C-alpha atoms as a PDB file:
ATOM      1  CA  MET A   1     -43.056  56.435 -33.004  1.00  0.00           C
ATOM      2  CA  CYS A   2     -41.018  59.458 -32.380  1.00  0.00           C
ATOM      3  CA  LEU A   3     -39.484  61.477 -35.285  1.00  0.00           C
ATOM      4  CA  SER A   4     -36.035  60.426 -34.681  1.00  0.00           C
ATOM      5  CA  GLN A   5     -37.144  56.827 -35.083  1.00  0.00           C
ATOM      6  CA  VAL A   6     -38.799  57.370 -38.171  1.00  0.00           C
ATOM      7  CA  LYS A   7     -35.773  59.181 -39.696  1.00  0.00           C
ATOM      8  CA  LYS A   8     -33.559  56.221 -38.584  1.00  0.00           C
ATOM      9  CA  TYR A   9     -35.824  53.617 -40.135  1.00  0.00           C
ATOM     10  CA  LEU A  10     -35.924  55.669 -43.318  1.00  0.00           C
ATOM     11  CA  TYR A  11     -32.190  55.781 -43.375  1.00  0.00           C
ATOM     12  CA  ILE A  12     -31.983  52.104 -42.979  1.00  0.00           C
ATOM     13  CA  LEU A  13     -34.555  51.766 -45.871  1.00  0.00           C
ATOM     14  CA  VAL A  14     -32.408  53.952 -48.135  1.00  0.00           C
ATOM     15  CA  ALA A  15     -29.463  51.970 -47.300  1.00  0.00           C
ATOM     16  CA  ILE A  16     -31.203  48.705 -48.117  1.00  0.00           C
ATOM     17  CA  ILE A  17     -32.241  49.797 -51.441  1.00  0.00           C
ATOM     18  CA  THR A  18     -28.811  51.397 -52.345  1.00  0.00           C
ATOM     19  CA  LEU A  19     -26.873  48.250 -51.510  1.00  0.00           C
ATOM     20  CA  GLY A  20     -29.559  46.318 -53.522  1.00  0.00           C
ATOM     21  CA  SER A  21     -29.177  48.510 -56.500  1.00  0.00           C
ATOM     22  CA  CYS A  22     -25.426  48.366 -56.255  1.00  0.00           C
ATOM     23  CA  SER A  23     -25.462  44.351 -56.041  1.00  0.00           C
ATOM     24  CA  GLU A  24     -27.623  44.404 -58.931  1.00  0.00           C
ATOM     25  CA  TYR A  25     -25.303  46.598 -60.944  1.00  0.00           C
ATOM     26  CA  GLN A  26     -22.157  44.610 -59.879  1.00  0.00           C
ATOM     27  CA  GLN A  27     -23.972  41.358 -61.155  1.00  0.00           C
ATOM     28  CA  LEU A  28     -24.836  43.083 -64.128  1.00  0.00           C
ATOM     29  CA  LEU A  29     -21.356  44.108 -64.863  1.00  0.00           C
ATOM     30  CA  ARG A  30     -20.025  40.416 -64.209  1.00  0.00           C
ATOM     31  CA  LYS A  31     -22.386  38.002 -65.457  1.00  0.00           C
ATOM     32  CA  GLY A  32     -25.335  40.281 -67.442  1.00  0.00           C
ATOM     33  CA  SER A  33     -26.004  39.380 -71.014  1.00  0.00           C
ATOM     34  CA  LEU A  34     -24.760  41.785 -73.721  1.00  0.00           C
ATOM     35  CA  ALA A  35     -28.379  42.992 -74.407  1.00  0.00           C
ATOM     36  CA  ASP A  36     -28.841  43.590 -70.616  1.00  0.00           C
ATOM     37  CA  LYS A  37     -25.863  45.684 -70.449  1.00  0.00           C
ATOM     38  CA  VAL A  38     -27.001  47.730 -73.406  1.00  0.00           C
ATOM     39  CA  LYS A  39     -30.148  48.241 -72.080  1.00  0.00           C
ATOM     40  CA  ALA A  40     -28.907  49.177 -68.681  1.00  0.00           C
ATOM     41  CA  ALA A  41     -26.259  51.459 -70.119  1.00  0.00           C
ATOM     42  CA  ASP A  42     -28.741  53.573 -72.304  1.00  0.00           C
ATOM     43  CA  ALA A  43     -31.031  53.714 -69.232  1.00  0.00           C
ATOM     44  CA  TYR A  44     -28.218  55.123 -67.143  1.00  0.00           C
ATOM     45  CA  TYR A  45     -27.095  57.592 -69.826  1.00  0.00           C
ATOM     46  CA  ASN A  46     -30.637  58.882 -70.215  1.00  0.00           C
ATOM     47  CA  GLU A  47     -31.058  59.256 -66.517  1.00  0.00           C
ATOM     48  CA  GLY A  48     -27.719  61.109 -66.457  1.00  0.00           C
ATOM     49  CA  ASP A  49     -25.863  58.410 -64.235  1.00  0.00           C
ATOM     50  CA  TYR A  50     -22.717  58.749 -66.430  1.00  0.00           C
ATOM     51  CA  LYS A  51     -20.159  56.956 -64.188  1.00  0.00           C
ATOM     52  CA  LYS A  52     -22.348  53.623 -64.218  1.00  0.00           C
ATOM     53  CA  ALA A  53     -23.189  54.137 -68.026  1.00  0.00           C
ATOM     54  CA  PHE A  54     -19.549  54.529 -68.950  1.00  0.00           C
ATOM     55  CA  ARG A  55     -18.556  51.370 -67.406  1.00  0.00           C
ATOM     56  CA  LEU A  56     -21.107  49.342 -69.289  1.00  0.00           C
ATOM     57  CA  TYR A  57     -20.321  51.018 -72.520  1.00  0.00           C
ATOM     58  CA  GLU A  58     -16.659  50.261 -72.107  1.00  0.00           C
ATOM     59  CA  LEU A  59     -17.743  46.332 -71.758  1.00  0.00           C
ATOM     60  CA  ILE A  60     -20.149  46.542 -74.846  1.00  0.00           C
ATOM     61  CA  VAL A  61     -18.265  48.674 -77.404  1.00  0.00           C
ATOM     62  CA  PRO A  62     -16.003  46.005 -78.565  1.00  0.00           C
ATOM     63  CA  ALA A  63     -18.966  43.703 -79.373  1.00  0.00           C
ATOM     64  CA  TYR A  64     -20.700  46.229 -81.421  1.00  0.00           C
ATOM     65  CA  ARG A  65     -18.138  47.526 -83.710  1.00  0.00           C
ATOM     66  CA  GLY A  66     -19.281  47.383 -87.253  1.00  0.00           C
ATOM     67  CA  LYS A  67     -22.931  46.661 -86.443  1.00  0.00           C
ATOM     68  CA  PRO A  68     -25.844  49.044 -86.912  1.00  0.00           C
ATOM     69  CA  GLN A  69     -26.114  49.685 -83.168  1.00  0.00           C
ATOM     70  CA  ALA A  70     -22.393  50.926 -82.942  1.00  0.00           C
ATOM     71  CA  GLU A  71     -23.399  54.586 -84.009  1.00  0.00           C
ATOM     72  CA  ARG A  72     -25.520  55.192 -81.107  1.00  0.00           C
ATOM     73  CA  ILE A  73     -23.449  53.336 -78.458  1.00  0.00           C
ATOM     74  CA  LEU A  74     -20.164  54.957 -79.651  1.00  0.00           C
ATOM     75  CA  PHE A  75     -21.814  58.512 -79.514  1.00  0.00           C
ATOM     76  CA  HIS A  76     -23.101  57.592 -76.011  1.00  0.00           C
ATOM     77  CA  GLU A  77     -19.809  56.523 -74.804  1.00  0.00           C
ATOM     78  CA  ALA A  78     -18.009  59.553 -76.001  1.00  0.00           C
ATOM     79  CA  ASP A  79     -20.651  61.629 -74.490  1.00  0.00           C
ATOM     80  CA  THR A  80     -20.465  59.870 -70.924  1.00  0.00           C
ATOM     81  CA  TYR A  81     -16.850  60.875 -71.033  1.00  0.00           C
ATOM     82  CA  TYR A  82     -17.693  64.447 -71.868  1.00  0.00           C
ATOM     83  CA  ASN A  83     -20.262  64.740 -69.103  1.00  0.00           C
ATOM     84  CA  LEU A  84     -17.792  63.218 -66.672  1.00  0.00           C
ATOM     85  CA  GLU A  85     -15.475  66.033 -67.716  1.00  0.00           C
ATOM     86  CA  ASP A  86     -12.751  63.456 -68.899  1.00  0.00           C
ATOM     87  CA  PHE A  87     -12.023  65.774 -71.808  1.00  0.00           C
ATOM     88  CA  TYR A  88      -8.855  64.051 -72.791  1.00  0.00           C
ATOM     89  CA  ILE A  89     -10.735  60.797 -73.739  1.00  0.00           C
ATOM     90  CA  SER A  90     -13.957  62.554 -74.785  1.00  0.00           C
ATOM     91  CA  GLN A  91     -12.138  64.684 -77.776  1.00  0.00           C
ATOM     92  CA  TYR A  92     -10.583  61.399 -78.746  1.00  0.00           C
ATOM     93  CA  LYS A  93     -13.876  59.462 -78.754  1.00  0.00           C
ATOM     94  CA  PHE A  94     -15.747  62.265 -80.464  1.00  0.00           C
ATOM     95  CA  GLU A  95     -12.902  62.580 -83.097  1.00  0.00           C
ATOM     96  CA  ARG A  96     -13.133  58.815 -83.903  1.00  0.00           C
ATOM     97  CA  PHE A  97     -16.931  58.929 -84.006  1.00  0.00           C
ATOM     98  CA  ALA A  98     -16.944  61.941 -86.439  1.00  0.00           C
ATOM     99  CA  LYS A  99     -14.329  60.061 -88.833  1.00  0.00           C
ATOM    100  CA  ALA A 100     -16.413  56.758 -88.707  1.00  0.00           C
ATOM    101  CA  TYR A 101     -19.995  58.484 -88.942  1.00  0.00           C
ATOM    102  CA  PRO A 102     -19.642  61.760 -91.029  1.00  0.00           C
ATOM    103  CA  LYS A 103     -23.360  61.561 -92.214  1.00  0.00           C
ATOM    104  CA  SER A 104     -24.579  60.793 -88.645  1.00  0.00           C
ATOM    105  CA  LYS A 105     -27.448  62.960 -87.251  1.00  0.00           C
ATOM    106  CA  LYS A 106     -25.197  63.231 -84.295  1.00  0.00           C
ATOM    107  CA  ILE A 107     -22.114  64.565 -86.273  1.00  0.00           C
ATOM    108  CA  GLU A 108     -22.823  68.217 -85.643  1.00  0.00           C
ATOM    109  CA  GLU A 109     -22.976  67.616 -81.715  1.00  0.00           C
ATOM    110  CA  ALA A 110     -20.049  65.269 -81.930  1.00  0.00           C
ATOM    111  CA  ARG A 111     -17.975  68.015 -83.836  1.00  0.00           C
ATOM    112  CA  TYR A 112     -18.721  70.702 -81.425  1.00  0.00           C
ATOM    113  CA  LYS A 113     -18.164  68.556 -78.405  1.00  0.00           C
ATOM    114  CA  GLU A 114     -14.780  67.598 -79.716  1.00  0.00           C
ATOM    115  CA  ALA A 115     -13.774  70.952 -80.143  1.00  0.00           C
ATOM    116  CA  LYS A 116     -15.153  71.993 -76.738  1.00  0.00           C
ATOM    117  CA  SER A 117     -13.184  69.036 -75.207  1.00  0.00           C
ATOM    118  CA  ILE A 118     -10.011  70.466 -76.667  1.00  0.00           C
ATOM    119  CA  TYR A 119     -10.936  73.811 -75.369  1.00  0.00           C
ATOM    120  CA  GLU A 120     -11.143  72.679 -71.876  1.00  0.00           C
ATOM    121  CA  LEU A 121      -7.619  70.905 -72.196  1.00  0.00           C
ATOM    122  CA  THR A 122      -5.878  74.216 -73.113  1.00  0.00           C
ATOM    123  CA  ASN A 123      -3.393  75.791 -70.803  1.00  0.00           C
ATOM    124  CA  ARG A 124      -3.426  79.148 -69.255  1.00  0.00           C
ATOM    125  CA  TYR A 125      -1.778  81.859 -71.579  1.00  0.00           C
ATOM    126  CA  SER A 126       1.640  81.567 -69.933  1.00  0.00           C
ATOM    127  CA  LEU A 127       2.138  77.887 -70.674  1.00  0.00           C
ATOM    128  CA  ASP A 128       2.337  75.907 -74.052  1.00  0.00           C
ATOM    129  CA  GLN A 129      -0.505  76.804 -76.565  1.00  0.00           C
ATOM    130  CA  LYS A 130      -0.312  73.832 -78.859  1.00  0.00           C
ATOM    131  CA  GLN A 131      -3.819  72.967 -77.806  1.00  0.00           C
ATOM    132  CA  THR A 132      -5.220  76.250 -78.254  1.00  0.00           C
ATOM    133  CA  PHE A 133      -4.142  76.183 -81.991  1.00  0.00           C
ATOM    134  CA  VAL A 134      -5.762  72.831 -82.287  1.00  0.00           C
ATOM    135  CA  GLY A 135      -8.819  73.956 -80.573  1.00  0.00           C
ATOM    136  CA  LEU A 136      -9.074  77.161 -82.792  1.00  0.00           C
ATOM    137  CA  GLU A 137      -8.677  75.108 -86.011  1.00  0.00           C
ATOM    138  CA  LYS A 138     -11.448  72.742 -84.838  1.00  0.00           C
ATOM    139  CA  PHE A 139     -13.899  75.548 -83.748  1.00  0.00           C
ATOM    140  CA  GLN A 140     -13.293  77.294 -86.964  1.00  0.00           C
ATOM    141  CA  LYS A 141     -13.860  74.174 -89.188  1.00  0.00           C
ATOM    142  CA  PHE A 142     -17.019  73.664 -87.189  1.00  0.00           C
ATOM    143  CA  ILE A 143     -18.290  77.282 -87.612  1.00  0.00           C
ATOM    144  CA  ASN A 144     -17.594  76.991 -91.449  1.00  0.00           C
ATOM    145  CA  ASP A 145     -19.291  73.514 -91.628  1.00  0.00           C
ATOM    146  CA  PHE A 146     -22.375  74.333 -89.527  1.00  0.00           C
ATOM    147  CA  PRO A 147     -23.103  77.991 -89.901  1.00  0.00           C
ATOM    148  CA  GLU A 148     -26.853  77.592 -88.684  1.00  0.00           C
ATOM    149  CA  SER A 149     -25.883  75.282 -85.701  1.00  0.00           C
ATOM    150  CA  SER A 150     -27.563  75.849 -82.191  1.00  0.00           C
ATOM    151  CA  PHE A 151     -24.081  75.553 -80.917  1.00  0.00           C
ATOM    152  CA  LEU A 152     -22.715  78.332 -83.092  1.00  0.00           C
ATOM    153  CA  GLU A 153     -23.066  81.094 -80.505  1.00  0.00           C
ATOM    154  CA  SER A 154     -21.016  79.046 -77.926  1.00  0.00           C
ATOM    155  CA  ALA A 155     -18.506  77.915 -80.694  1.00  0.00           C
ATOM    156  CA  ASN A 156     -18.007  81.721 -81.475  1.00  0.00           C
ATOM    157  CA  GLU A 157     -17.746  82.469 -77.786  1.00  0.00           C
ATOM    158  CA  HIS A 158     -14.913  79.742 -77.178  1.00  0.00           C
ATOM    159  CA  THR A 159     -13.191  80.839 -80.309  1.00  0.00           C
ATOM    160  CA  SER A 160     -12.876  84.363 -79.169  1.00  0.00           C
ATOM    161  CA  LYS A 161     -11.622  83.121 -75.720  1.00  0.00           C
ATOM    162  CA  LEU A 162      -8.859  81.056 -77.355  1.00  0.00           C
ATOM    163  CA  ARG A 163      -7.923  84.118 -79.546  1.00  0.00           C
ATOM    164  CA  ASN A 164      -7.553  86.167 -76.495  1.00  0.00           C
ATOM    165  CA  LYS A 165      -5.400  83.592 -74.932  1.00  0.00           C
ATOM    166  CA  LEU A 166      -2.955  83.573 -77.834  1.00  0.00           C
ATOM    167  CA  GLU A 167      -2.980  87.269 -77.976  1.00  0.00           C
ATOM    168  CA  GLU A 168      -2.078  87.663 -74.458  1.00  0.00           C
ATOM    169  CA  LYS A 169       0.611  85.135 -74.703  1.00  0.00           C
ATOM    170  CA  PHE A 170       2.262  86.796 -77.650  1.00  0.00           C
ATOM    171  CA  TYR A 171       1.828  90.248 -76.205  1.00  0.00           C
ATOM    172  CA  LYS A 172       3.826  89.158 -73.066  1.00  0.00           C
ATOM    173  CA  ILE A 173       6.595  87.595 -74.968  1.00  0.00           C
ATOM    174  CA  ALA A 174       6.966  90.887 -76.971  1.00  0.00           C
ATOM    175  CA  LYS A 175       6.755  92.959 -73.585  1.00  0.00           C
ATOM    176  CA  GLN A 176       9.591  90.538 -72.130  1.00  0.00           C
ATOM    177  CA  TYR A 177      11.887  91.689 -74.849  1.00  0.00           C
ATOM    178  CA  HIS A 178      10.998  95.255 -74.226  1.00  0.00           C
ATOM    179  CA  HIS A 179      11.615  95.164 -70.306  1.00  0.00           C
ATOM    180  CA  ARG A 180      14.960  93.225 -70.866  1.00  0.00           C
ATOM    181  CA  ASP A 181      16.084  96.077 -73.232  1.00  0.00           C
ATOM    182  CA  LEU A 182      16.238  93.755 -76.270  1.00  0.00           C
ATOM    183  CA  TYR A 183      14.870  96.709 -78.352  1.00  0.00           C
ATOM    184  CA  LYS A 184      15.453  94.968 -81.929  1.00  0.00           C
ATOM    185  CA  PRO A 185      13.575  91.758 -81.369  1.00  0.00           C
ATOM    186  CA  ALA A 186      10.889  93.748 -79.245  1.00  0.00           C
ATOM    187  CA  ILE A 187      10.264  95.939 -82.289  1.00  0.00           C
ATOM    188  CA  LYS A 188      10.036  93.053 -84.531  1.00  0.00           C
ATOM    189  CA  ALA A 189       7.658  91.103 -82.119  1.00  0.00           C
ATOM    190  CA  PHE A 190       5.390  94.117 -81.621  1.00  0.00           C
ATOM    191  CA  SER A 191       5.149  94.739 -85.312  1.00  0.00           C
ATOM    192  CA  ASN A 192       4.340  91.108 -86.026  1.00  0.00           C
ATOM    193  CA  TYR A 193       1.683  91.246 -83.363  1.00  0.00           C
ATOM    194  CA  LEU A 194      -0.063  94.120 -85.020  1.00  0.00           C
ATOM    195  CA  VAL A 195      -0.288  92.162 -88.134  1.00  0.00           C
ATOM    196  CA  ASP A 196      -1.314  88.944 -86.501  1.00  0.00           C
ATOM    197  CA  TYR A 197      -3.818  90.317 -84.214  1.00  0.00           C
ATOM    198  CA  PRO A 198      -5.086  93.679 -85.488  1.00  0.00           C
ATOM    199  CA  GLY A 199      -8.242  93.950 -83.324  1.00  0.00           C
ATOM    200  CA  SER A 200      -6.456  92.867 -80.125  1.00  0.00           C
ATOM    201  CA  LYS A 201      -7.364  94.467 -76.842  1.00  0.00           C
ATOM    202  CA  PHE A 202      -3.687  94.960 -76.195  1.00  0.00           C
ATOM    203  CA  SER A 203      -3.169  96.900 -79.569  1.00  0.00           C
ATOM    204  CA  GLU A 204      -2.798 100.245 -78.114  1.00  0.00           C
ATOM    205  CA  ARG A 205      -0.269  99.180 -75.588  1.00  0.00           C
ATOM    206  CA  VAL A 206       1.563  97.421 -78.306  1.00  0.00           C
ATOM    207  CA  LEU A 207       1.645 100.433 -80.467  1.00  0.00           C
ATOM    208  CA  TYR A 208       3.166 102.487 -77.500  1.00  0.00           C
ATOM    209  CA  TYR A 209       5.790  99.970 -76.520  1.00  0.00           C
ATOM    210  CA  ARG A 210       6.928  99.659 -80.085  1.00  0.00           C
ATOM    211  CA  LEU A 211       7.242 103.337 -80.071  1.00  0.00           C
ATOM    212  CA  GLU A 212       9.243 103.287 -76.877  1.00  0.00           C
ATOM    213  CA  SER A 213      11.296 100.352 -77.874  1.00  0.00           C
ATOM    214  CA  ALA A 214      12.342 102.085 -81.100  1.00  0.00           C
ATOM    215  CA  TYR A 215      12.929 105.342 -79.117  1.00  0.00           C
ATOM    216  CA  LYS A 216      15.368 103.724 -76.594  1.00  0.00           C
ATOM    217  CA  LEU A 217      17.108 101.761 -79.501  1.00  0.00           C
ATOM    218  CA  ALA A 218      17.679 105.108 -81.292  1.00  0.00           C
ATOM    219  CA  ILE A 219      19.112 106.841 -78.210  1.00  0.00           C
ATOM    220  CA  ASN A 220      21.331 104.085 -77.369  1.00  0.00           C
ATOM    221  CA  SER A 221      22.714 103.565 -80.820  1.00  0.00           C
ATOM    222  CA  PHE A 222      26.104 104.498 -82.358  1.00  0.00           C
ATOM    223  CA  GLU A 223      26.226 108.164 -83.599  1.00  0.00           C
ATOM    224  CA  ASP A 224      25.684 107.158 -87.364  1.00  0.00           C
ATOM    225  CA  LEU A 225      22.791 105.032 -86.712  1.00  0.00           C
ATOM    226  CA  ILE A 226      20.815 107.665 -84.596  1.00  0.00           C
ATOM    227  CA  PRO A 227      19.232 109.752 -87.272  1.00  0.00           C
ATOM    228  CA  GLU A 228      17.721 106.795 -89.242  1.00  0.00           C
ATOM    229  CA  ARG A 229      16.452 105.134 -85.959  1.00  0.00           C
ATOM    230  CA  LEU A 230      15.000 108.405 -84.671  1.00  0.00           C
ATOM    231  CA  ASP A 231      13.005 108.851 -88.044  1.00  0.00           C
ATOM    232  CA  LYS A 232      11.489 105.345 -87.420  1.00  0.00           C
ATOM    233  CA  ALA A 233      10.701 105.994 -83.896  1.00  0.00           C
ATOM    234  CA  GLN A 234       8.824 109.194 -85.101  1.00  0.00           C
ATOM    235  CA  GLU A 235       7.000 107.060 -87.610  1.00  0.00           C
ATOM    236  CA  TYR A 236       5.913 104.833 -84.879  1.00  0.00           C
ATOM    237  CA  TYR A 237       4.784 107.790 -82.807  1.00  0.00           C
ATOM    238  CA  GLU A 238       2.641 109.049 -85.681  1.00  0.00           C
ATOM    239  CA  THR A 239       1.130 105.613 -86.117  1.00  0.00           C
ATOM    240  CA  TYR A 240       0.222 105.572 -82.295  1.00  0.00           C
ATOM    241  CA  ILE A 241      -1.304 108.939 -82.402  1.00  0.00           C
ATOM    242  CA  THR A 242      -3.396 107.965 -85.427  1.00  0.00           C
ATOM    243  CA  ARG A 243      -4.667 104.641 -84.026  1.00  0.00           C
ATOM    244  CA  SER A 244      -4.771 105.199 -80.210  1.00  0.00           C
ATOM    245  CA  VAL A 245      -8.270 105.756 -78.740  1.00  0.00           C
ATOM    246  CA  SER A 246      -7.480 106.480 -75.113  1.00  0.00           C
ATOM    247  CA  GLU A 247      -5.133 108.793 -73.067  1.00  0.00           C
ATOM    248  CA  ASP A 248      -3.569 105.944 -71.191  1.00  0.00           C
ATOM    249  CA  PHE A 249       0.002 106.402 -72.745  1.00  0.00           C
ATOM    250  CA  LYS A 250      -0.471 109.691 -74.845  1.00  0.00           C
ATOM    251  CA  LYS A 251       1.454 111.709 -72.164  1.00  0.00           C
ATOM    252  CA  LYS A 252       4.515 109.526 -72.227  1.00  0.00           C
ATOM    253  CA  ALA A 253       4.223 109.102 -75.965  1.00  0.00           C
ATOM    254  CA  ASP A 254       4.147 113.046 -76.494  1.00  0.00           C
ATOM    255  CA  GLU A 255       7.135 113.225 -74.196  1.00  0.00           C
ATOM    256  CA  ILE A 256       9.071 110.684 -76.371  1.00  0.00           C
ATOM    257  CA  ALA A 257       7.970 112.690 -79.452  1.00  0.00           C
ATOM    258  CA  ALA A 258       9.174 116.013 -78.300  1.00  0.00           C
ATOM    259  CA  ASP A 259      12.525 114.597 -77.284  1.00  0.00           C
ATOM    260  CA  ILE A 260      12.904 112.997 -80.691  1.00  0.00           C
ATOM    261  CA  ASN A 261      12.425 116.345 -82.444  1.00  0.00           C
ATOM    262  CA  LYS A 262      14.904 117.983 -80.016  1.00  0.00           C
ATOM    263  CA  ARG A 263      17.503 115.153 -80.648  1.00  0.00           C
ATOM    264  CA  LYS A 264      17.115 115.396 -84.428  1.00  0.00           C
ATOM    265  CA  GLN A 265      17.438 119.044 -84.271  1.00  0.00           C
ATOM    266  CA  ALA A 266      20.655 118.768 -82.290  1.00  0.00           C
ATOM    267  CA  PHE A 267      22.053 116.251 -84.510  1.00  0.00           C
ATOM    268  CA  ASN A 268      21.272 118.358 -87.639  1.00  0.00           C
ATOM    269  CA  ILE A 269      23.098 121.323 -86.039  1.00  0.00           C
ATOM    270  CA  GLN A 270      26.070 119.266 -85.256  1.00  0.00           C
ATOM    271  CA  SER A 271      26.240 117.733 -88.622  1.00  0.00           C
END
C-alpha cells in the first residue's frame, strides 16, 4: 500500500472517530443523565475543551444551585467563559461566585479573574473609561485583600496599565484645551493632572504646556490683568525648571521666561 493510500485511510479513520465523538456528545446534551453531564463537563474542563464544557455547565448549573457541588460547578462555569475569552460574562460569573462563596478556596483566583475580565473589557484611552475605573477598583481591592497572592505581580502590572490609560486620556483632554487656545481651562486641567497623577510619564509635558498656556493667557489679556498673569506664568516656569529632568522643552521654556521678564520690565517702565 502506497503512502498516499495510508494517509487517505488515516483521514477516514480520524473522521469516523470525530463523527462518533460528536454524536456521543450530542446524545449527552439531549438525553444524558445529570450525573453523566457533570462527569463529562468536568472531564472536558480538565482537558481544556472549554467549548464543550461550557454547554454542559449551562445545562447542569440550575439543577445544582444550593447544593454542595454548586461551588465547584459554578467556578468551572465562570472559568470556561474566561478561557473562551467571553470576558463580559466571565466577570459577571466570577463576581456572583465571589459573593456566594467568600470563604471558598477558589476565592482568590475568582477575584483576580473577575478583575482581569474587566481589564480585558476596557476601551482604548480615547474612548469612555468607565470600565477602567471599575477595573482599578477591583484590582486595588484584590491587592489589598491578597498581598501574598501568586497573582499579585500580574495584578500590579494590570493596575499600572489601567492607570497609564487614564493618565493618557486626561493628558490628551488638557492638551486639547491648550491647542484650541482655551488657556484658562487648560491651566486648570494641567494643574489638576499634576495633583491626580504626580508620577505620570506625561508630567514634564504637562508642566511645560501649563507654563505655555499661562504665558499665552497673559500676553493676550487686557492690560490690567497682564502683570498678575505674567507673575503666575513665571511661577509655572520656576516649577517646570525645578521638576524637569530632560531637555525636551527647556529651550522653549527659557525663551518664554526671557519674554516674560522683558514684558514685565516694559510694563513697569510704562506704569
